[in-house]
Amino acid sequence: MILAAVLGLSQSLGAHPFWSTQIALIGAPAGAVLAIVLRFATRFQWTSAFAALVLTGLALAMAHMGKTRFAASYAEDVQAGQLWYFGWIAVALFATTTLALMLPKRR
């Protein structure tokens, strides 16, 4: 996820250019920790991966809504800006979790 953000994927999907790598540097390590916990805490790895994928989609929708509201307010709606920023952190977190949980489990 960090490499994708550095290469501009998050920016091309709607993240703010100033935050595009910062959100990945915050969200990806947290997502890796969550994936490790889920991998060892539950037997339902694919169910957890599907749940993380759904949460990625919800976080992406939340970030898009924040971006739209923030732009419509001419950068005056602080809550919309926070929704945009934290939504992208959640996208990085849950996308990392999804990708890590889709890797085969070693025995």
N, C-alpha and C. Protein backbone atom coordinates (compact mmCIF):
# COMPACT_ATOMS: atom_id res chain seq x y z
N MET A 1 0.82 -1.19 0.00
CA MET A 1 0.00 0.00 0.00
C MET A 1 0.87 1.25 0.00
N ILE A 2 1.95 1.22 0.74
CA ILE A 2 2.83 2.39 0.78
C ILE A 2 3.44 2.63 -0.59
N LEU A 3 3.88 1.57 -1.25
CA LEU A 3 4.45 1.71 -2.59
C LEU A 3 3.40 2.24 -3.58
N ALA A 4 2.19 1.75 -3.47
CA ALA A 4 1.12 2.24 -4.35
C ALA A 4 0.86 3.72 -4.12
N ALA A 5 0.90 4.15 -2.86
CA ALA A 5 0.69 5.58 -2.57
C ALA A 5 1.85 6.42 -3.09
N VAL A 6 3.07 5.92 -2.95
CA VAL A 6 4.23 6.66 -3.45
C VAL A 6 4.17 6.78 -4.97
N LEU A 7 3.68 5.74 -5.63
CA LEU A 7 3.56 5.76 -7.09
C LEU A 7 2.36 6.57 -7.57
N GLY A 8 1.52 7.06 -6.65
CA GLY A 8 0.43 7.95 -7.01
C GLY A 8 -0.94 7.31 -7.15
N LEU A 9 -1.11 6.06 -6.73
CA LEU A 9 -2.41 5.40 -6.88
C LEU A 9 -3.47 6.07 -6.01
N SER A 10 -3.15 6.35 -4.77
CA SER A 10 -4.15 6.97 -3.89
C SER A 10 -4.52 8.37 -4.38
N GLN A 11 -3.55 9.09 -4.89
CA GLN A 11 -3.83 10.43 -5.42
C GLN A 11 -4.73 10.35 -6.65
N SER A 12 -4.50 9.37 -7.50
CA SER A 12 -5.33 9.25 -8.69
C SER A 12 -6.74 8.77 -8.34
N LEU A 13 -6.92 8.14 -7.18
CA LEU A 13 -8.25 7.70 -6.74
C LEU A 13 -8.99 8.77 -5.95
N GLY A 14 -8.33 9.90 -5.65
CA GLY A 14 -9.04 10.99 -5.00
C GLY A 14 -8.45 11.50 -3.71
N ALA A 15 -7.31 10.98 -3.29
CA ALA A 15 -6.68 11.51 -2.08
C ALA A 15 -6.04 12.86 -2.38
N HIS A 16 -5.94 13.67 -1.38
CA HIS A 16 -5.32 14.99 -1.54
C HIS A 16 -3.84 14.79 -1.87
N PRO A 17 -3.28 15.54 -2.80
CA PRO A 17 -1.87 15.35 -3.18
C PRO A 17 -0.91 15.52 -2.00
N PHE A 18 -1.22 16.39 -1.08
CA PHE A 18 -0.34 16.61 0.07
C PHE A 18 -0.38 15.43 1.03
N TRP A 19 -1.52 14.75 1.13
CA TRP A 19 -1.69 13.65 2.08
C TRP A 19 -1.49 12.28 1.47
N SER A 20 -1.31 12.18 0.18
CA SER A 20 -1.40 10.88 -0.50
C SER A 20 -0.44 9.83 0.03
N THR A 21 0.75 10.20 0.43
CA THR A 21 1.66 9.19 1.00
C THR A 21 1.54 9.12 2.52
N GLN A 22 1.19 10.23 3.13
CA GLN A 22 1.06 10.24 4.59
C GLN A 22 -0.05 9.30 5.07
N ILE A 23 -1.14 9.24 4.36
CA ILE A 23 -2.24 8.36 4.77
C ILE A 23 -1.82 6.89 4.70
N ALA A 24 -1.00 6.54 3.73
CA ALA A 24 -0.52 5.16 3.63
C ALA A 24 0.49 4.85 4.72
N LEU A 25 1.32 5.82 5.08
CA LEU A 25 2.30 5.60 6.14
C LEU A 25 1.64 5.44 7.50
N ILE A 26 0.44 5.95 7.66
CA ILE A 26 -0.30 5.78 8.91
C ILE A 26 -1.16 4.53 8.86
N GLY A 27 -1.90 4.34 7.77
CA GLY A 27 -2.87 3.25 7.70
C GLY A 27 -2.28 1.87 7.44
N ALA A 28 -1.26 1.78 6.61
CA ALA A 28 -0.72 0.47 6.24
C ALA A 28 -0.11 -0.30 7.42
N PRO A 29 0.70 0.32 8.28
CA PRO A 29 1.21 -0.44 9.43
C PRO A 29 0.10 -0.90 10.38
N ALA A 30 -0.91 -0.05 10.57
CA ALA A 30 -2.04 -0.45 11.42
C ALA A 30 -2.80 -1.61 10.78
N GLY A 31 -2.94 -1.59 9.47
CA GLY A 31 -3.59 -2.69 8.77
C GLY A 31 -2.79 -3.98 8.84
N ALA A 32 -1.48 -3.87 8.81
CA ALA A 32 -0.64 -5.07 8.94
C ALA A 32 -0.78 -5.68 10.32
N VAL A 33 -0.83 -4.85 11.34
CA VAL A 33 -1.03 -5.35 12.71
C VAL A 33 -2.39 -6.01 12.84
N LEU A 34 -3.42 -5.38 12.28
CA LEU A 34 -4.77 -5.96 12.32
C LEU A 34 -4.81 -7.30 11.60
N ALA A 35 -4.13 -7.41 10.48
CA ALA A 35 -4.10 -8.68 9.74
C ALA A 35 -3.40 -9.77 10.54
N ILE A 36 -2.33 -9.42 11.22
CA ILE A 36 -1.63 -10.41 12.05
C ILE A 36 -2.53 -10.89 13.18
N VAL A 37 -3.22 -9.96 13.81
CA VAL A 37 -4.12 -10.34 14.90
C VAL A 37 -5.25 -11.22 14.37
N LEU A 38 -5.84 -10.85 13.26
CA LEU A 38 -6.94 -11.64 12.70
C LEU A 38 -6.47 -13.01 12.21
N ARG A 39 -5.27 -13.07 11.70
CA ARG A 39 -4.75 -14.34 11.19
C ARG A 39 -4.57 -15.35 12.32
N PHE A 40 -4.14 -14.89 13.49
CA PHE A 40 -3.89 -15.80 14.60
C PHE A 40 -5.07 -15.92 15.55
N ALA A 41 -6.00 -14.98 15.52
CA ALA A 41 -7.10 -15.00 16.47
C ALA A 41 -8.32 -15.74 15.95
N THR A 42 -8.41 -15.95 14.66
CA THR A 42 -9.60 -16.58 14.11
C THR A 42 -9.23 -17.64 13.08
N ARG A 43 -10.13 -18.61 12.94
CA ARG A 43 -9.92 -19.64 11.93
C ARG A 43 -10.51 -19.22 10.60
N PHE A 44 -11.33 -18.18 10.59
CA PHE A 44 -12.07 -17.76 9.40
C PHE A 44 -11.30 -16.67 8.65
N GLN A 45 -10.19 -17.05 8.05
CA GLN A 45 -9.33 -16.09 7.37
C GLN A 45 -10.02 -15.46 6.17
N TRP A 46 -10.72 -16.24 5.38
CA TRP A 46 -11.37 -15.71 4.17
C TRP A 46 -12.57 -14.84 4.52
N THR A 47 -13.26 -15.19 5.60
CA THR A 47 -14.37 -14.35 6.05
C THR A 47 -13.84 -13.00 6.53
N SER A 48 -12.74 -13.03 7.24
CA SER A 48 -12.12 -11.78 7.70
C SER A 48 -11.63 -10.95 6.52
N ALA A 49 -11.08 -11.61 5.50
CA ALA A 49 -10.61 -10.89 4.31
C ALA A 49 -11.78 -10.25 3.58
N PHE A 50 -12.91 -10.96 3.50
CA PHE A 50 -14.10 -10.39 2.85
C PHE A 50 -14.63 -9.20 3.65
N ALA A 51 -14.66 -9.33 4.97
CA ALA A 51 -15.12 -8.22 5.82
C ALA A 51 -14.21 -7.01 5.65
N ALA A 52 -12.90 -7.23 5.58
CA ALA A 52 -11.96 -6.12 5.38
C ALA A 52 -12.15 -5.49 4.00
N LEU A 53 -12.49 -6.31 3.00
CA LEU A 53 -12.75 -5.77 1.66
C LEU A 53 -14.00 -4.89 1.66
N VAL A 54 -15.04 -5.32 2.34
CA VAL A 54 -16.25 -4.52 2.45
C VAL A 54 -15.96 -3.22 3.19
N LEU A 55 -15.17 -3.29 4.27
CA LEU A 55 -14.81 -2.09 5.01
C LEU A 55 -13.93 -1.16 4.18
N THR A 56 -13.13 -1.71 3.29
CA THR A 56 -12.35 -0.87 2.37
C THR A 56 -13.27 -0.07 1.46
N GLY A 57 -14.29 -0.73 0.95
CA GLY A 57 -15.25 -0.04 0.10
C GLY A 57 -16.01 1.04 0.85
N LEU A 58 -16.41 0.75 2.08
CA LEU A 58 -17.11 1.75 2.89
C LEU A 58 -16.20 2.93 3.21
N ALA A 59 -14.95 2.66 3.51
CA ALA A 59 -14.00 3.74 3.80
C ALA A 59 -13.75 4.59 2.56
N LEU A 60 -13.70 3.95 1.41
CA LEU A 60 -13.52 4.70 0.16
C LEU A 60 -14.73 5.60 -0.11
N ALA A 61 -15.93 5.08 0.16
CA ALA A 61 -17.13 5.90 0.00
C ALA A 61 -17.13 7.06 1.00
N MET A 62 -16.69 6.80 2.22
CA MET A 62 -16.62 7.85 3.23
C MET A 62 -15.62 8.93 2.83
N ALA A 63 -14.48 8.53 2.30
CA ALA A 63 -13.48 9.50 1.86
C ALA A 63 -13.99 10.32 0.68
N HIS A 64 -14.68 9.67 -0.23
CA HIS A 64 -15.22 10.38 -1.39
C HIS A 64 -16.28 11.39 -0.95
N MET A 65 -17.13 11.00 0.00
CA MET A 65 -18.15 11.92 0.50
C MET A 65 -17.50 13.12 1.19
N GLY A 66 -16.46 12.88 1.98
CA GLY A 66 -15.75 13.97 2.63
C GLY A 66 -15.12 14.91 1.63
N LYS A 67 -14.53 14.34 0.58
CA LYS A 67 -13.90 15.17 -0.46
C LYS A 67 -14.93 16.04 -1.16
N THR A 68 -16.08 15.46 -1.48
CA THR A 68 -17.13 16.20 -2.17
C THR A 68 -17.67 17.33 -1.30
N ARG A 69 -17.92 17.03 -0.03
CA ARG A 69 -18.42 18.07 0.88
C ARG A 69 -17.38 19.15 1.12
N PHE A 70 -16.13 18.76 1.23
CA PHE A 70 -15.05 19.72 1.47
C PHE A 70 -14.89 20.66 0.28
N ALA A 71 -14.94 20.12 -0.91
CA ALA A 71 -14.81 20.95 -2.11
C ALA A 71 -16.02 21.85 -2.29
N ALA A 72 -17.21 21.36 -1.97
CA ALA A 72 -18.42 22.16 -2.12
C ALA A 72 -18.46 23.32 -1.12
N SER A 73 -17.77 23.16 0.00
CA SER A 73 -17.76 24.23 1.01
C SER A 73 -16.62 25.22 0.79
N TYR A 74 -15.91 25.09 -0.31
CA TYR A 74 -14.74 25.95 -0.60
C TYR A 74 -13.72 25.87 0.53
N ALA A 75 -13.46 24.66 0.99
CA ALA A 75 -12.45 24.34 2.01
C ALA A 75 -12.73 24.98 3.36
N GLU A 76 -14.01 25.17 3.70
CA GLU A 76 -14.35 25.74 4.99
C GLU A 76 -14.96 24.71 5.94
N ASP A 77 -15.42 23.59 5.45
CA ASP A 77 -16.03 22.57 6.30
C ASP A 77 -14.94 21.67 6.88
N VAL A 78 -14.60 21.93 8.13
CA VAL A 78 -13.51 21.21 8.79
C VAL A 78 -13.86 19.74 8.95
N GLN A 79 -15.10 19.45 9.30
CA GLN A 79 -15.50 18.05 9.48
C GLN A 79 -15.41 17.27 8.19
N ALA A 80 -15.75 17.89 7.08
CA ALA A 80 -15.64 17.20 5.79
C ALA A 80 -14.17 16.93 5.45
N GLY A 81 -13.30 17.87 5.77
CA GLY A 81 -11.87 17.65 5.55
C GLY A 81 -11.34 16.51 6.40
N GLN A 82 -11.80 16.43 7.64
CA GLN A 82 -11.38 15.33 8.51
C GLN A 82 -11.94 14.00 8.02
N LEU A 83 -13.17 14.02 7.53
CA LEU A 83 -13.77 12.81 6.97
C LEU A 83 -12.98 12.33 5.77
N TRP A 84 -12.55 13.25 4.93
CA TRP A 84 -11.73 12.92 3.76
C TRP A 84 -10.39 12.32 4.19
N TYR A 85 -9.73 12.97 5.14
CA TYR A 85 -8.41 12.54 5.60
C TYR A 85 -8.48 11.19 6.31
N PHE A 86 -9.34 11.07 7.30
CA PHE A 86 -9.42 9.82 8.06
C PHE A 86 -10.05 8.71 7.23
N GLY A 87 -10.87 9.06 6.26
CA GLY A 87 -11.39 8.05 5.35
C GLY A 87 -10.29 7.41 4.54
N TRP A 88 -9.33 8.21 4.10
CA TRP A 88 -8.22 7.65 3.33
C TRP A 88 -7.28 6.83 4.20
N ILE A 89 -7.14 7.21 5.46
CA ILE A 89 -6.35 6.36 6.38
C ILE A 89 -7.03 5.01 6.54
N ALA A 90 -8.37 5.03 6.67
CA ALA A 90 -9.11 3.77 6.79
C ALA A 90 -9.01 2.94 5.52
N VAL A 91 -9.00 3.58 4.36
CA VAL A 91 -8.82 2.85 3.10
C VAL A 91 -7.48 2.14 3.11
N ALA A 92 -6.42 2.82 3.48
CA ALA A 92 -5.09 2.20 3.52
C ALA A 92 -5.05 1.07 4.55
N LEU A 93 -5.67 1.28 5.69
CA LEU A 93 -5.69 0.27 6.74
C LEU A 93 -6.40 -1.00 6.27
N PHE A 94 -7.63 -0.86 5.78
CA PHE A 94 -8.41 -2.04 5.41
C PHE A 94 -7.92 -2.68 4.12
N ALA A 95 -7.37 -1.91 3.20
CA ALA A 95 -6.81 -2.51 1.98
C ALA A 95 -5.58 -3.35 2.32
N THR A 96 -4.75 -2.85 3.23
CA THR A 96 -3.59 -3.63 3.67
C THR A 96 -4.04 -4.90 4.37
N THR A 97 -5.05 -4.78 5.22
CA THR A 97 -5.57 -5.95 5.92
C THR A 97 -6.11 -6.97 4.93
N THR A 98 -6.86 -6.52 3.95
CA THR A 98 -7.42 -7.42 2.94
C THR A 98 -6.32 -8.15 2.18
N LEU A 99 -5.34 -7.41 1.71
CA LEU A 99 -4.25 -8.04 0.95
C LEU A 99 -3.46 -9.02 1.79
N ALA A 100 -3.20 -8.67 3.05
CA ALA A 100 -2.43 -9.57 3.91
C ALA A 100 -3.22 -10.83 4.26
N LEU A 101 -4.53 -10.71 4.42
CA LEU A 101 -5.33 -11.89 4.75
C LEU A 101 -5.56 -12.79 3.54
N MET A 102 -5.38 -12.26 2.33
CA MET A 102 -5.56 -13.09 1.14
C MET A 102 -4.33 -13.95 0.83
N LEU A 103 -3.23 -13.66 1.49
CA LEU A 103 -2.04 -14.50 1.33
C LEU A 103 -2.31 -15.86 1.95
N PRO A 104 -1.78 -16.93 1.37
CA PRO A 104 -2.01 -18.26 1.95
C PRO A 104 -1.37 -18.39 3.33
N LYS A 105 -2.06 -19.13 4.18
CA LYS A 105 -1.58 -19.34 5.54
C LYS A 105 -0.51 -20.42 5.54
N ARG A 106 0.61 -20.13 6.17
CA ARG A 106 1.70 -21.12 6.26
C ARG A 106 1.45 -22.00 7.47
N ARG A 107 1.72 -23.24 7.33
CA ARG A 107 1.49 -24.18 8.44
C ARG A 107 2.78 -24.62 9.03
